[in-house]
Each structure stands twice: as C-alpha cells, then as structure tokens.
Amino acid sequence: MSQGRIELLQKMLEADPKDAFCRYGMAQEYLKAGDYLNAVFWFDKTIESDIDYCYAYYHKARALEQAGKLQDAISTLQIGLARARASGDAHTISEIQSLLDQLT
C-alpha cells in the first residue's frame, strides 16, 4: 500500500467525500496491501456512492474470497451481475460471470 496514494486519496475525499472514484482507489490500495477487510469497507463505500460502479462488486468479491468469506463473495457477485446487466456493461458481465463460475 502506498501511503502517499492513501494520503492523496484522503485529501481528495475531503473535497468530495462521496467521490466513487476516490473511494474505489482507496479500496484498491487496501486490496493491494492484503488488507481485505478495509478493502471491502471501501468497496462498499464505492457502491454506496454509485450502485452501478460494477467493478467494485468484482473486486469486493475478490477481497471477500481472499478473506475466506466465500458465500459473501458469491452473494456480492450475484448482486454485481444484476447491476452490470441493468447497466448493459457487457465486459463486466463477462468478468463477473466468469469469477462466479469459478467460485460456485
């Protein structure tokens, strides 16, 4: 985890606390560091800001899988798949479905 990136993202979030892109960035930094619970927290914050930020579901599921929470990961993917379908995001549909197939 790059402390400099975290600090930069925190400053950006001070300016716009609901910025989905910054929240997603925070989640990715924690995910890279192997801090899966904080990653899940920030992916949830991303989804709270933008329910159709479909890759947040994919990466949240990856974090949950790494944390040993397989059923939570599967549930997250199912919700993400529904959101990706609703938004017509074919690429994300494919990736979420592929991970869902691997986990089930």
PDB file of N, CA and C in Angstrom:
ATOM      1  N   MET A   1       0.866  -1.171   0.000  1.00  0.00           N
ATOM      2  CA  MET A   1       0.000   0.000   0.000  1.00  0.00           C
ATOM      3  C   MET A   1       0.907   1.227   0.000  1.00  0.00           C
ATOM      4  N   SER A   2       0.626   2.113  -0.872  1.00  0.00           N
ATOM      5  CA  SER A   2       1.384   3.346  -0.954  1.00  0.00           C
ATOM      6  C   SER A   2       0.764   4.387  -0.029  1.00  0.00           C
ATOM      7  N   GLN A   3       1.497   4.727   1.023  1.00  0.00           N
ATOM      8  CA  GLN A   3       0.982   5.708   1.979  1.00  0.00           C
ATOM      9  C   GLN A   3       0.733   7.045   1.291  1.00  0.00           C
ATOM     10  N   GLY A   4       1.581   7.382   0.318  1.00  0.00           N
ATOM     11  CA  GLY A   4       1.390   8.620  -0.418  1.00  0.00           C
ATOM     12  C   GLY A   4       0.086   8.636  -1.186  1.00  0.00           C
ATOM     13  N   ARG A   5      -0.262   7.513  -1.786  1.00  0.00           N
ATOM     14  CA  ARG A   5      -1.535   7.426  -2.520  1.00  0.00           C
ATOM     15  C   ARG A   5      -2.717   7.529  -1.573  1.00  0.00           C
ATOM     16  N   ILE A   6      -2.603   6.848  -0.438  1.00  0.00           N
ATOM     17  CA  ILE A   6      -3.684   6.908   0.559  1.00  0.00           C
ATOM     18  C   ILE A   6      -3.891   8.354   1.006  1.00  0.00           C
ATOM     19  N   GLU A   7      -2.797   9.050   1.298  1.00  0.00           N
ATOM     20  CA  GLU A   7      -2.908  10.445   1.743  1.00  0.00           C
ATOM     21  C   GLU A   7      -3.532  11.324   0.655  1.00  0.00           C
ATOM     22  N   LEU A   8      -3.109  11.117  -0.589  1.00  0.00           N
ATOM     23  CA  LEU A   8      -3.670  11.886  -1.701  1.00  0.00           C
ATOM     24  C   LEU A   8      -5.160  11.613  -1.844  1.00  0.00           C
ATOM     25  N   LEU A   9      -5.552  10.352  -1.788  1.00  0.00           N
ATOM     26  CA  LEU A   9      -6.966  10.000  -1.901  1.00  0.00           C
ATOM     27  C   LEU A   9      -7.774  10.567  -0.739  1.00  0.00           C
ATOM     28  N   GLN A  10      -7.196  10.551   0.463  1.00  0.00           N
ATOM     29  CA  GLN A  10      -7.899  11.118   1.617  1.00  0.00           C
ATOM     30  C   GLN A  10      -8.134  12.614   1.430  1.00  0.00           C
ATOM     31  N   LYS A  11      -7.136  13.318   0.894  1.00  0.00           N
ATOM     32  CA  LYS A  11      -7.305  14.750   0.638  1.00  0.00           C
ATOM     33  C   LYS A  11      -8.390  14.984  -0.409  1.00  0.00           C
ATOM     34  N   MET A  12      -8.402  14.149  -1.431  1.00  0.00           N
ATOM     35  CA  MET A  12      -9.429  14.273  -2.465  1.00  0.00           C
ATOM     36  C   MET A  12     -10.812  13.997  -1.878  1.00  0.00           C
ATOM     37  N   LEU A  13     -10.892  13.034  -0.975  1.00  0.00           N
ATOM     38  CA  LEU A  13     -12.171  12.708  -0.345  1.00  0.00           C
ATOM     39  C   LEU A  13     -12.643  13.818   0.588  1.00  0.00           C
ATOM     40  N   GLU A  14     -11.711  14.575   1.157  1.00  0.00           N
ATOM     41  CA  GLU A  14     -12.106  15.718   1.978  1.00  0.00           C
ATOM     42  C   GLU A  14     -12.857  16.738   1.126  1.00  0.00           C
ATOM     43  N   ALA A  15     -12.422  16.885  -0.118  1.00  0.00           N
ATOM     44  CA  ALA A  15     -13.077  17.828  -1.030  1.00  0.00           C
ATOM     45  C   ALA A  15     -14.419  17.299  -1.508  1.00  0.00           C
ATOM     46  N   ASP A  16     -14.505  15.985  -1.706  1.00  0.00           N
ATOM     47  CA  ASP A  16     -15.753  15.367  -2.176  1.00  0.00           C
ATOM     48  C   ASP A  16     -15.876  13.983  -1.537  1.00  0.00           C
ATOM     49  N   PRO A  17     -16.442  13.924  -0.322  1.00  0.00           N
ATOM     50  CA  PRO A  17     -16.492  12.673   0.443  1.00  0.00           C
ATOM     51  C   PRO A  17     -17.225  11.513  -0.241  1.00  0.00           C
ATOM     52  N   LYS A  18     -18.048  11.806  -1.220  1.00  0.00           N
ATOM     53  CA  LYS A  18     -18.818  10.738  -1.865  1.00  0.00           C
ATOM     54  C   LYS A  18     -18.277  10.387  -3.259  1.00  0.00           C
ATOM     55  N   ASP A  19     -17.070  10.833  -3.568  1.00  0.00           N
ATOM     56  CA  ASP A  19     -16.456  10.570  -4.868  1.00  0.00           C
ATOM     57  C   ASP A  19     -16.199   9.067  -5.021  1.00  0.00           C
ATOM     58  N   ALA A  20     -16.961   8.423  -5.876  1.00  0.00           N
ATOM     59  CA  ALA A  20     -16.860   6.972  -6.062  1.00  0.00           C
ATOM     60  C   ALA A  20     -15.479   6.572  -6.564  1.00  0.00           C
ATOM     61  N   PHE A  21     -14.892   7.361  -7.441  1.00  0.00           N
ATOM     62  CA  PHE A  21     -13.575   7.035  -7.987  1.00  0.00           C
ATOM     63  C   PHE A  21     -12.519   7.030  -6.876  1.00  0.00           C
ATOM     64  N   CYS A  22     -12.564   8.013  -5.991  1.00  0.00           N
ATOM     65  CA  CYS A  22     -11.607   8.052  -4.881  1.00  0.00           C
ATOM     66  C   CYS A  22     -11.846   6.906  -3.900  1.00  0.00           C
ATOM     67  N   ARG A  23     -13.092   6.628  -3.633  1.00  0.00           N
ATOM     68  CA  ARG A  23     -13.412   5.515  -2.736  1.00  0.00           C
ATOM     69  C   ARG A  23     -12.904   4.201  -3.328  1.00  0.00           C
ATOM     70  N   TYR A  24     -13.087   4.040  -4.634  1.00  0.00           N
ATOM     71  CA  TYR A  24     -12.604   2.844  -5.326  1.00  0.00           C
ATOM     72  C   TYR A  24     -11.071   2.776  -5.247  1.00  0.00           C
ATOM     73  N   GLY A  25     -10.429   3.903  -5.412  1.00  0.00           N
ATOM     74  CA  GLY A  25      -8.976   3.958  -5.292  1.00  0.00           C
ATOM     75  C   GLY A  25      -8.496   3.540  -3.915  1.00  0.00           C
ATOM     76  N   MET A  26      -9.175   3.992  -2.879  1.00  0.00           N
ATOM     77  CA  MET A  26      -8.835   3.582  -1.513  1.00  0.00           C
ATOM     78  C   MET A  26      -8.975   2.070  -1.371  1.00  0.00           C
ATOM     79  N   ALA A  27     -10.063   1.535  -1.886  1.00  0.00           N
ATOM     80  CA  ALA A  27     -10.283   0.090  -1.809  1.00  0.00           C
ATOM     81  C   ALA A  27      -9.160  -0.670  -2.507  1.00  0.00           C
ATOM     82  N   GLN A  28      -8.772  -0.198  -3.668  1.00  0.00           N
ATOM     83  CA  GLN A  28      -7.717  -0.872  -4.426  1.00  0.00           C
ATOM     84  C   GLN A  28      -6.384  -0.836  -3.681  1.00  0.00           C
ATOM     85  N   GLU A  29      -6.083   0.273  -3.024  1.00  0.00           N
ATOM     86  CA  GLU A  29      -4.838   0.373  -2.257  1.00  0.00           C
ATOM     87  C   GLU A  29      -4.828  -0.652  -1.114  1.00  0.00           C
ATOM     88  N   TYR A  30      -5.951  -0.767  -0.414  1.00  0.00           N
ATOM     89  CA  TYR A  30      -6.017  -1.751   0.670  1.00  0.00           C
ATOM     90  C   TYR A  30      -5.985  -3.175   0.128  1.00  0.00           C
ATOM     91  N   LEU A  31      -6.617  -3.402  -1.000  1.00  0.00           N
ATOM     92  CA  LEU A  31      -6.598  -4.723  -1.610  1.00  0.00           C
ATOM     93  C   LEU A  31      -5.174  -5.116  -1.980  1.00  0.00           C
ATOM     94  N   LYS A  32      -4.443  -4.202  -2.600  1.00  0.00           N
ATOM     95  CA  LYS A  32      -3.041  -4.474  -2.972  1.00  0.00           C
ATOM     96  C   LYS A  32      -2.193  -4.823  -1.753  1.00  0.00           C
ATOM     97  N   ALA A  33      -2.517  -4.200  -0.615  1.00  0.00           N
ATOM     98  CA  ALA A  33      -1.754  -4.426   0.612  1.00  0.00           C
ATOM     99  C   ALA A  33      -2.173  -5.697   1.333  1.00  0.00           C
ATOM    100  N   GLY A  34      -3.218  -6.356   0.839  1.00  0.00           N
ATOM    101  CA  GLY A  34      -3.706  -7.566   1.502  1.00  0.00           C
ATOM    102  C   GLY A  34      -4.562  -7.275   2.720  1.00  0.00           C
ATOM    103  N   ASP A  35      -5.006  -6.044   2.863  1.00  0.00           N
ATOM    104  CA  ASP A  35      -5.889  -5.649   3.966  1.00  0.00           C
ATOM    105  C   ASP A  35      -7.328  -5.781   3.454  1.00  0.00           C
ATOM    106  N   TYR A  36      -7.806  -7.010   3.438  1.00  0.00           N
ATOM    107  CA  TYR A  36      -9.067  -7.334   2.769  1.00  0.00           C
ATOM    108  C   TYR A  36     -10.282  -6.708   3.434  1.00  0.00           C
ATOM    109  N   LEU A  37     -10.278  -6.620   4.743  1.00  0.00           N
ATOM    110  CA  LEU A  37     -11.449  -6.049   5.412  1.00  0.00           C
ATOM    111  C   LEU A  37     -11.580  -4.559   5.132  1.00  0.00           C
ATOM    112  N   ASN A  38     -10.468  -3.824   5.132  1.00  0.00           N
ATOM    113  CA  ASN A  38     -10.542  -2.407   4.769  1.00  0.00           C
ATOM    114  C   ASN A  38     -10.885  -2.252   3.293  1.00  0.00           C
ATOM    115  N   ALA A  39     -10.397  -3.148   2.465  1.00  0.00           N
ATOM    116  CA  ALA A  39     -10.744  -3.103   1.040  1.00  0.00           C
ATOM    117  C   ALA A  39     -12.249  -3.274   0.870  1.00  0.00           C
ATOM    118  N   VAL A  40     -12.825  -4.253   1.551  1.00  0.00           N
ATOM    119  CA  VAL A  40     -14.271  -4.479   1.466  1.00  0.00           C
ATOM    120  C   VAL A  40     -15.023  -3.235   1.944  1.00  0.00           C
ATOM    121  N   PHE A  41     -14.569  -2.644   3.041  1.00  0.00           N
ATOM    122  CA  PHE A  41     -15.196  -1.426   3.557  1.00  0.00           C
ATOM    123  C   PHE A  41     -15.241  -0.358   2.470  1.00  0.00           C
ATOM    124  N   TRP A  42     -14.123  -0.122   1.785  1.00  0.00           N
ATOM    125  CA  TRP A  42     -14.069   0.931   0.772  1.00  0.00           C
ATOM    126  C   TRP A  42     -14.801   0.552  -0.504  1.00  0.00           C
ATOM    127  N   PHE A  43     -14.841  -0.748  -0.841  1.00  0.00           N
ATOM    128  CA  PHE A  43     -15.672  -1.148  -1.989  1.00  0.00           C
ATOM    129  C   PHE A  43     -17.140  -0.905  -1.664  1.00  0.00           C
ATOM    130  N   ASP A  44     -17.544  -1.178  -0.425  1.00  0.00           N
ATOM    131  CA  ASP A  44     -18.919  -0.877  -0.013  1.00  0.00           C
ATOM    132  C   ASP A  44     -19.209   0.619  -0.111  1.00  0.00           C
ATOM    133  N   LYS A  45     -18.252   1.439   0.297  1.00  0.00           N
ATOM    134  CA  LYS A  45     -18.416   2.890   0.195  1.00  0.00           C
ATOM    135  C   LYS A  45     -18.536   3.320  -1.267  1.00  0.00           C
ATOM    136  N   THR A  46     -17.781   2.662  -2.149  1.00  0.00           N
ATOM    137  CA  THR A  46     -17.857   2.958  -3.581  1.00  0.00           C
ATOM    138  C   THR A  46     -19.258   2.671  -4.094  1.00  0.00           C
ATOM    139  N   ILE A  47     -19.764   1.494  -3.754  1.00  0.00           N
ATOM    140  CA  ILE A  47     -21.100   1.081  -4.193  1.00  0.00           C
ATOM    141  C   ILE A  47     -22.170   1.999  -3.599  1.00  0.00           C
ATOM    142  N   GLU A  48     -21.945   2.435  -2.373  1.00  0.00           N
ATOM    143  CA  GLU A  48     -22.872   3.384  -1.740  1.00  0.00           C
ATOM    144  C   GLU A  48     -22.946   4.684  -2.552  1.00  0.00           C
ATOM    145  N   SER A  49     -21.805   5.111  -3.082  1.00  0.00           N
ATOM    146  CA  SER A  49     -21.761   6.337  -3.893  1.00  0.00           C
ATOM    147  C   SER A  49     -22.327   6.138  -5.285  1.00  0.00           C
ATOM    148  N   ASP A  50     -22.084   4.954  -5.852  1.00  0.00           N
ATOM    149  CA  ASP A  50     -22.508   4.663  -7.226  1.00  0.00           C
ATOM    150  C   ASP A  50     -22.839   3.190  -7.348  1.00  0.00           C
ATOM    151  N   ILE A  51     -24.114   2.880  -7.258  1.00  0.00           N
ATOM    152  CA  ILE A  51     -24.572   1.486  -7.265  1.00  0.00           C
ATOM    153  C   ILE A  51     -24.171   0.742  -8.540  1.00  0.00           C
ATOM    154  N   ASP A  52     -23.903   1.494  -9.602  1.00  0.00           N
ATOM    155  CA  ASP A  52     -23.532   0.871 -10.873  1.00  0.00           C
ATOM    156  C   ASP A  52     -22.030   0.896 -11.140  1.00  0.00           C
ATOM    157  N   TYR A  53     -21.225   1.101 -10.127  1.00  0.00           N
ATOM    158  CA  TYR A  53     -19.762   1.009 -10.261  1.00  0.00           C
ATOM    159  C   TYR A  53     -19.435  -0.484 -10.205  1.00  0.00           C
ATOM    160  N   CYS A  54     -19.673  -1.153 -11.322  1.00  0.00           N
ATOM    161  CA  CYS A  54     -19.737  -2.616 -11.357  1.00  0.00           C
ATOM    162  C   CYS A  54     -18.436  -3.328 -10.994  1.00  0.00           C
ATOM    163  N   TYR A  55     -17.297  -2.734 -11.330  1.00  0.00           N
ATOM    164  CA  TYR A  55     -16.046  -3.399 -10.961  1.00  0.00           C
ATOM    165  C   TYR A  55     -15.829  -3.418  -9.458  1.00  0.00           C
ATOM    166  N   ALA A  56     -16.513  -2.559  -8.718  1.00  0.00           N
ATOM    167  CA  ALA A  56     -16.414  -2.597  -7.262  1.00  0.00           C
ATOM    168  C   ALA A  56     -16.963  -3.925  -6.734  1.00  0.00           C
ATOM    169  N   TYR A  57     -18.002  -4.434  -7.349  1.00  0.00           N
ATOM    170  CA  TYR A  57     -18.557  -5.732  -6.929  1.00  0.00           C
ATOM    171  C   TYR A  57     -17.547  -6.848  -7.202  1.00  0.00           C
ATOM    172  N   TYR A  58     -16.949  -6.808  -8.369  1.00  0.00           N
ATOM    173  CA  TYR A  58     -15.971  -7.830  -8.765  1.00  0.00           C
ATOM    174  C   TYR A  58     -14.805  -7.860  -7.772  1.00  0.00           C
ATOM    175  N   HIS A  59     -14.216  -6.698  -7.525  1.00  0.00           N
ATOM    176  CA  HIS A  59     -13.050  -6.648  -6.653  1.00  0.00           C
ATOM    177  C   HIS A  59     -13.412  -6.842  -5.187  1.00  0.00           C
ATOM    178  N   LYS A  60     -14.606  -6.424  -4.800  1.00  0.00           N
ATOM    179  CA  LYS A  60     -15.064  -6.710  -3.440  1.00  0.00           C
ATOM    180  C   LYS A  60     -15.172  -8.226  -3.255  1.00  0.00           C
ATOM    181  N   ALA A  61     -15.697  -8.898  -4.247  1.00  0.00           N
ATOM    182  CA  ALA A  61     -15.805 -10.359  -4.169  1.00  0.00           C
ATOM    183  C   ALA A  61     -14.431 -11.002  -4.069  1.00  0.00           C
ATOM    184  N   ARG A  62     -13.457 -10.483  -4.811  1.00  0.00           N
ATOM    185  CA  ARG A  62     -12.079 -10.994  -4.724  1.00  0.00           C
ATOM    186  C   ARG A  62     -11.529 -10.816  -3.306  1.00  0.00           C
ATOM    187  N   ALA A  63     -11.778  -9.657  -2.712  1.00  0.00           N
ATOM    188  CA  ALA A  63     -11.309  -9.401  -1.353  1.00  0.00           C
ATOM    189  C   ALA A  63     -11.989 -10.352  -0.366  1.00  0.00           C
ATOM    190  N   LEU A  64     -13.281 -10.538  -0.534  1.00  0.00           N
ATOM    191  CA  LEU A  64     -14.010 -11.459   0.345  1.00  0.00           C
ATOM    192  C   LEU A  64     -13.499 -12.887   0.192  1.00  0.00           C
ATOM    193  N   GLU A  65     -13.241 -13.282  -1.035  1.00  0.00           N
ATOM    194  CA  GLU A  65     -12.688 -14.622  -1.284  1.00  0.00           C
ATOM    195  C   GLU A  65     -11.349 -14.772  -0.559  1.00  0.00           C
ATOM    196  N   GLN A  66     -10.482 -13.774  -0.690  1.00  0.00           N
ATOM    197  CA  GLN A  66      -9.175 -13.821  -0.033  1.00  0.00           C
ATOM    198  C   GLN A  66      -9.299 -13.834   1.485  1.00  0.00           C
ATOM    199  N   ALA A  67     -10.349 -13.230   2.004  1.00  0.00           N
ATOM    200  CA  ALA A  67     -10.588 -13.194   3.451  1.00  0.00           C
ATOM    201  C   ALA A  67     -11.263 -14.476   3.946  1.00  0.00           C
ATOM    202  N   GLY A  68     -11.522 -15.406   3.026  1.00  0.00           N
ATOM    203  CA  GLY A  68     -12.139 -16.676   3.409  1.00  0.00           C
ATOM    204  C   GLY A  68     -13.649 -16.616   3.544  1.00  0.00           C
ATOM    205  N   LYS A  69     -14.259 -15.606   2.959  1.00  0.00           N
ATOM    206  CA  LYS A  69     -15.709 -15.436   3.057  1.00  0.00           C
ATOM    207  C   LYS A  69     -16.343 -15.745   1.699  1.00  0.00           C
ATOM    208  N   LEU A  70     -16.303 -17.017   1.343  1.00  0.00           N
ATOM    209  CA  LEU A  70     -16.729 -17.455   0.024  1.00  0.00           C
ATOM    210  C   LEU A  70     -18.197 -17.155  -0.256  1.00  0.00           C
ATOM    211  N   GLN A  71     -19.091 -17.423   0.686  1.00  0.00           N
ATOM    212  CA  GLN A  71     -20.516 -17.172   0.446  1.00  0.00           C
ATOM    213  C   GLN A  71     -20.803 -15.690   0.262  1.00  0.00           C
ATOM    214  N   ASP A  72     -20.117 -14.861   1.034  1.00  0.00           N
ATOM    215  CA  ASP A  72     -20.280 -13.413   0.866  1.00  0.00           C
ATOM    216  C   ASP A  72     -19.777 -12.977  -0.508  1.00  0.00           C
ATOM    217  N   ALA A  73     -18.680 -13.588  -0.946  1.00  0.00           N
ATOM    218  CA  ALA A  73     -18.137 -13.273  -2.272  1.00  0.00           C
ATOM    219  C   ALA A  73     -19.142 -13.645  -3.360  1.00  0.00           C
ATOM    220  N   ILE A  74     -19.744 -14.804  -3.242  1.00  0.00           N
ATOM    221  CA  ILE A  74     -20.728 -15.264  -4.226  1.00  0.00           C
ATOM    222  C   ILE A  74     -21.944 -14.327  -4.233  1.00  0.00           C
ATOM    223  N   SER A  75     -22.424 -13.966  -3.062  1.00  0.00           N
ATOM    224  CA  SER A  75     -23.568 -13.043  -2.984  1.00  0.00           C
ATOM    225  C   SER A  75     -23.243 -11.703  -3.620  1.00  0.00           C
ATOM    226  N   THR A  76     -22.040 -11.204  -3.371  1.00  0.00           N
ATOM    227  CA  THR A  76     -21.600  -9.938  -3.961  1.00  0.00           C
ATOM    228  C   THR A  76     -21.583 -10.037  -5.478  1.00  0.00           C
ATOM    229  N   LEU A  77     -21.073 -11.138  -5.996  1.00  0.00           N
ATOM    230  CA  LEU A  77     -21.025 -11.328  -7.451  1.00  0.00           C
ATOM    231  C   LEU A  77     -22.423 -11.394  -8.053  1.00  0.00           C
ATOM    232  N   GLN A  78     -23.342 -12.041  -7.362  1.00  0.00           N
ATOM    233  CA  GLN A  78     -24.710 -12.128  -7.877  1.00  0.00           C
ATOM    234  C   GLN A  78     -25.350 -10.745  -7.957  1.00  0.00           C
ATOM    235  N   ILE A  79     -25.133  -9.929  -6.937  1.00  0.00           N
ATOM    236  CA  ILE A  79     -25.659  -8.567  -6.962  1.00  0.00           C
ATOM    237  C   ILE A  79     -24.971  -7.760  -8.060  1.00  0.00           C
ATOM    238  N   GLY A  80     -23.657  -7.885  -8.151  1.00  0.00           N
ATOM    239  CA  GLY A  80     -22.904  -7.176  -9.177  1.00  0.00           C
ATOM    240  C   GLY A  80     -23.310  -7.568 -10.582  1.00  0.00           C
ATOM    241  N   LEU A  81     -23.593  -8.842 -10.774  1.00  0.00           N
ATOM    242  CA  LEU A  81     -24.036  -9.322 -12.079  1.00  0.00           C
ATOM    243  C   LEU A  81     -25.373  -8.692 -12.461  1.00  0.00           C
ATOM    244  N   ALA A  82     -26.275  -8.610 -11.506  1.00  0.00           N
ATOM    245  CA  ALA A  82     -27.572  -7.972 -11.765  1.00  0.00           C
ATOM    246  C   ALA A  82     -27.395  -6.494 -12.109  1.00  0.00           C
ATOM    247  N   ARG A  83     -26.510  -5.799 -11.384  1.00  0.00           N
ATOM    248  CA  ARG A  83     -26.261  -4.378 -11.659  1.00  0.00           C
ATOM    249  C   ARG A  83     -25.600  -4.196 -13.029  1.00  0.00           C
ATOM    250  N   ALA A  84     -24.649  -5.057 -13.363  1.00  0.00           N
ATOM    251  CA  ALA A  84     -23.974  -4.960 -14.664  1.00  0.00           C
ATOM    252  C   ALA A  84     -24.965  -5.203 -15.797  1.00  0.00           C
ATOM    253  N   ARG A  85     -25.857  -6.161 -15.596  1.00  0.00           N
ATOM    254  CA  ARG A  85     -26.882  -6.414 -16.620  1.00  0.00           C
ATOM    255  C   ARG A  85     -27.811  -5.210 -16.755  1.00  0.00           C
ATOM    256  N   ALA A  86     -28.199  -4.633 -15.628  1.00  0.00           N
ATOM    257  CA  ALA A  86     -29.104  -3.476 -15.658  1.00  0.00           C
ATOM    258  C   ALA A  86     -28.461  -2.281 -16.355  1.00  0.00           C
ATOM    259  N   SER A  87     -27.153  -2.155 -16.218  1.00  0.00           N
ATOM    260  CA  SER A  87     -26.472  -1.022 -16.850  1.00  0.00           C
ATOM    261  C   SER A  87     -25.955  -1.353 -18.242  1.00  0.00           C
ATOM    262  N   GLY A  88     -26.107  -2.628 -18.665  1.00  0.00           N
ATOM    263  CA  GLY A  88     -25.704  -3.025 -20.008  1.00  0.00           C
ATOM    264  C   GLY A  88     -24.205  -3.097 -20.209  1.00  0.00           C
ATOM    265  N   ASP A  89     -23.454  -3.352 -19.146  1.00  0.00           N
ATOM    266  CA  ASP A  89     -21.998  -3.403 -19.199  1.00  0.00           C
ATOM    267  C   ASP A  89     -21.539  -4.825 -19.542  1.00  0.00           C
ATOM    268  N   ALA A  90     -21.465  -5.123 -20.830  1.00  0.00           N
ATOM    269  CA  ALA A  90     -21.189  -6.481 -21.307  1.00  0.00           C
ATOM    270  C   ALA A  90     -19.837  -7.010 -20.836  1.00  0.00           C
ATOM    271  N   HIS A  91     -18.828  -6.167 -20.831  1.00  0.00           N
ATOM    272  CA  HIS A  91     -17.495  -6.624 -20.418  1.00  0.00           C
ATOM    273  C   HIS A  91     -17.498  -7.033 -18.943  1.00  0.00           C
ATOM    274  N   THR A  92     -18.108  -6.206 -18.105  1.00  0.00           N
ATOM    275  CA  THR A  92     -18.158  -6.523 -16.680  1.00  0.00           C
ATOM    276  C   THR A  92     -19.038  -7.733 -16.419  1.00  0.00           C
ATOM    277  N   ILE A  93     -20.121  -7.865 -17.169  1.00  0.00           N
ATOM    278  CA  ILE A  93     -20.970  -9.055 -17.045  1.00  0.00           C
ATOM    279  C   ILE A  93     -20.125 -10.301 -17.250  1.00  0.00           C
ATOM    280  N   SER A  94     -19.327 -10.297 -18.302  1.00  0.00           N
ATOM    281  CA  SER A  94     -18.479 -11.442 -18.623  1.00  0.00           C
ATOM    282  C   SER A  94     -17.487 -11.749 -17.498  1.00  0.00           C
ATOM    283  N   GLU A  95     -16.844 -10.724 -16.971  1.00  0.00           N
ATOM    284  CA  GLU A  95     -15.847 -10.943 -15.931  1.00  0.00           C
ATOM    285  C   GLU A  95     -16.482 -11.410 -14.618  1.00  0.00           C
ATOM    286  N   ILE A  96     -17.587 -10.791 -14.250  1.00  0.00           N
ATOM    287  CA  ILE A  96     -18.266 -11.202 -13.017  1.00  0.00           C
ATOM    288  C   ILE A  96     -18.787 -12.633 -13.160  1.00  0.00           C
ATOM    289  N   GLN A  97     -19.380 -12.952 -14.302  1.00  0.00           N
ATOM    290  CA  GLN A  97     -19.900 -14.298 -14.522  1.00  0.00           C
ATOM    291  C   GLN A  97     -18.773 -15.332 -14.467  1.00  0.00           C
ATOM    292  N   SER A  98     -17.638 -15.010 -15.043  1.00  0.00           N
ATOM    293  CA  SER A  98     -16.506 -15.918 -15.037  1.00  0.00           C
ATOM    294  C   SER A  98     -16.029 -16.193 -13.613  1.00  0.00           C
ATOM    295  N   LEU A  99     -15.910 -15.165 -12.793  1.00  0.00           N
ATOM    296  CA  LEU A  99     -15.497 -15.366 -11.414  1.00  0.00           C
ATOM    297  C   LEU A  99     -16.568 -16.122 -10.633  1.00  0.00           C
ATOM    298  N   LEU A 100     -17.825 -15.805 -10.877  1.00  0.00           N
ATOM    299  CA  LEU A 100     -18.910 -16.523 -10.215  1.00  0.00           C
ATOM    300  C   LEU A 100     -18.860 -18.012 -10.555  1.00  0.00           C
ATOM    301  N   ASP A 101     -18.623 -18.316 -11.826  1.00  0.00           N
ATOM    302  CA  ASP A 101     -18.500 -19.717 -12.243  1.00  0.00           C
ATOM    303  C   ASP A 101     -17.346 -20.418 -11.539  1.00  0.00           C
ATOM    304  N   GLN A 102     -16.252 -19.712 -11.343  1.00  0.00           N
ATOM    305  CA  GLN A 102     -15.088 -20.306 -10.661  1.00  0.00           C
ATOM    306  C   GLN A 102     -15.379 -20.598  -9.182  1.00  0.00           C
ATOM    307  N   LEU A 103     -16.159 -19.739  -8.562  1.00  0.00           N
ATOM    308  CA  LEU A 103     -16.398 -19.854  -7.130  1.00  0.00           C
ATOM    309  C   LEU A 103     -17.560 -20.784  -6.776  1.00  0.00           C
ATOM    310  N   THR A 104     -18.392 -21.087  -7.750  1.00  0.00           N
ATOM    311  CA  THR A 104     -19.549 -21.949  -7.435  1.00  0.00           C
ATOM    312  C   THR A 104     -19.369 -23.340  -7.989  1.00  0.00           C
TER     313      THR A 104
END
